[in-house]
C-alpha atoms as a PDB file:
ATOM      1  CA  MET A   1      50.977  22.264 -30.807  1.00  0.00           C
ATOM      2  CA  PRO A   2      48.657  19.997 -28.789  1.00  0.00           C
ATOM      3  CA  SER A   3      49.308  19.747 -25.066  1.00  0.00           C
ATOM      4  CA  ILE A   4      47.854  17.934 -22.084  1.00  0.00           C
ATOM      5  CA  ASP A   5      48.345  18.357 -18.345  1.00  0.00           C
ATOM      6  CA  VAL A   6      49.095  15.175 -16.422  1.00  0.00           C
ATOM      7  CA  VAL A   7      49.527  14.252 -12.776  1.00  0.00           C
ATOM      8  CA  ILE A   8      52.718  12.318 -12.027  1.00  0.00           C
ATOM      9  CA  HIS A   9      53.726  10.806  -8.697  1.00  0.00           C
ATOM     10  CA  LEU A  10      56.772   8.557  -8.959  1.00  0.00           C
ATOM     11  CA  SER A  11      59.138   7.758  -6.106  1.00  0.00           C
ATOM     12  CA  GLN A  12      62.879   7.976  -6.488  1.00  0.00           C
ATOM     13  CA  SER A  13      63.135   4.191  -6.930  1.00  0.00           C
ATOM     14  CA  GLU A  14      60.390   4.173  -9.575  1.00  0.00           C
ATOM     15  CA  CYS A  15      62.232   6.921 -11.448  1.00  0.00           C
ATOM     16  CA  LEU A  16      65.468   4.935 -11.268  1.00  0.00           C
ATOM     17  CA  ALA A  17      63.727   1.949 -12.864  1.00  0.00           C
ATOM     18  CA  HIS A  18      62.579   4.174 -15.744  1.00  0.00           C
ATOM     19  CA  TYR A  19      66.008   5.795 -15.994  1.00  0.00           C
ATOM     20  CA  ALA A  20      67.735   2.403 -16.089  1.00  0.00           C
ATOM     21  CA  GLY A  21      65.618   1.406 -19.068  1.00  0.00           C
ATOM     22  CA  HIS A  22      63.397  -1.144 -17.341  1.00  0.00           C
ATOM     23  CA  TYR A  23      60.434   0.754 -18.791  1.00  0.00           C
ATOM     24  CA  SER A  24      60.273   2.578 -22.098  1.00  0.00           C
ATOM     25  CA  THR A  25      57.038   4.455 -21.436  1.00  0.00           C
ATOM     26  CA  VAL A  26      55.157   6.127 -18.606  1.00  0.00           C
ATOM     27  CA  ARG A  27      51.400   5.743 -18.298  1.00  0.00           C
ATOM     28  CA  THR A  28      49.579   8.315 -16.205  1.00  0.00           C
ATOM     29  CA  ARG A  29      46.287  10.185 -16.007  1.00  0.00           C
ATOM     30  CA  SER A  30      45.613  13.657 -17.306  1.00  0.00           C
ATOM     31  CA  VAL A  31      43.947  16.194 -15.035  1.00  0.00           C
ATOM     32  CA  ASP A  32      40.708  15.553 -16.955  1.00  0.00           C
ATOM     33  CA  GLY A  33      40.892  11.768 -16.427  1.00  0.00           C
ATOM     34  CA  ARG A  34      42.281  10.493 -19.743  1.00  0.00           C
ATOM     35  CA  TRP A  35      45.124   7.969 -19.824  1.00  0.00           C
ATOM     36  CA  VAL A  36      48.316   9.335 -21.395  1.00  0.00           C
ATOM     37  CA  VAL A  37      51.430   7.421 -22.460  1.00  0.00           C
ATOM     38  CA  PHE A  38      54.742   9.157 -23.143  1.00  0.00           C
ATOM     39  CA  PRO A  39      58.442   8.183 -23.360  1.00  0.00           C
ATOM     40  CA  ALA A  40      60.062   7.400 -19.993  1.00  0.00           C
ATOM     41  CA  GLU A  41      63.145   9.259 -21.185  1.00  0.00           C
ATOM     42  CA  ALA A  42      61.187  12.515 -20.653  1.00  0.00           C
ATOM     43  CA  LEU A  43      61.378  12.023 -16.872  1.00  0.00           C
ATOM     44  CA  ARG A  44      65.096  12.798 -16.971  1.00  0.00           C
ATOM     45  CA  ARG A  45      64.190  16.448 -17.568  1.00  0.00           C
ATOM     46  CA  VAL A  46      62.050  16.764 -14.422  1.00  0.00           C
ATOM     47  CA  VAL A  47      63.235  14.180 -11.893  1.00  0.00           C
ATOM     48  CA  GLY A  48      64.285  15.509  -8.512  1.00  0.00           C
ATOM     49  CA  ARG A  49      65.743  14.031  -5.364  1.00  0.00           C
ATOM     50  CA  ASP A  50      62.389  12.649  -4.253  1.00  0.00           C
ATOM     51  CA  GLY A  51      61.272  11.480  -7.690  1.00  0.00           C
ATOM     52  CA  VAL A  52      58.679  13.239  -9.820  1.00  0.00           C
ATOM     53  CA  HIS A  53      55.616  14.741  -8.170  1.00  0.00           C
ATOM     54  CA  GLY A  54      53.119  17.260  -9.484  1.00  0.00           C
ATOM     55  CA  ILE A  55      51.280  18.428 -12.545  1.00  0.00           C
ATOM     56  CA  PHE A  56      53.200  18.605 -15.810  1.00  0.00           C
ATOM     57  CA  ARG A  57      52.301  19.885 -19.264  1.00  0.00           C
ATOM     58  CA  LEU A  58      53.204  17.508 -22.081  1.00  0.00           C
ATOM     59  CA  GLU A  59      53.466  18.947 -25.583  1.00  0.00           C
ATOM     60  CA  PHE A  60      53.098  16.848 -28.698  1.00  0.00           C
ATOM     61  CA  SER A  61      53.541  17.445 -32.412  1.00  0.00           C
ATOM     62  CA  ASP A  62      50.494  17.494 -34.657  1.00  0.00           C
ATOM     63  CA  GLN A  63      51.402  13.881 -35.494  1.00  0.00           C
ATOM     64  CA  GLY A  64      51.220  12.890 -31.813  1.00  0.00           C
ATOM     65  CA  ARG A  65      54.958  12.616 -31.101  1.00  0.00           C
ATOM     66  CA  PHE A  66      56.232  13.773 -27.714  1.00  0.00           C
ATOM     67  CA  ILE A  67      58.081  17.118 -27.764  1.00  0.00           C
ATOM     68  CA  SER A  68      58.466  18.445 -24.215  1.00  0.00           C
ATOM     69  CA  ILE A  69      57.486  18.267 -20.548  1.00  0.00           C
ATOM     70  CA  GLN A  70      57.157  21.328 -18.290  1.00  0.00           C
ATOM     71  CA  PRO A  71      56.259  21.471 -14.588  1.00  0.00           C
ATOM     72  CA  GLN A  72      53.033  23.344 -13.848  1.00  0.00           C
ATOM     73  CA  SER A  73      52.884  22.786 -10.091  1.00  0.00           C
ATOM     74  CA  SER A  74      54.287  20.420  -7.512  1.00  0.00           C
ATOM     75  CA  ARG A  75      52.520  18.674  -4.662  1.00  0.00           C
END
């Protein structure tokens, strides 16, 4: 299963906008500098009181479909 580590820094209000459906995707950079787009719905699994901050591992199917998000570290 392909995976990529991304850096995410979203405030609580930015997360609420994603949660409310104002955005369907999140666009962020991987730790190696590539742009990555994944479903905003995934943030629900990792959002905290202060938003989402840290490095997360995204896993995708062999066809490129999002499967999971796991925290690797927080900043």
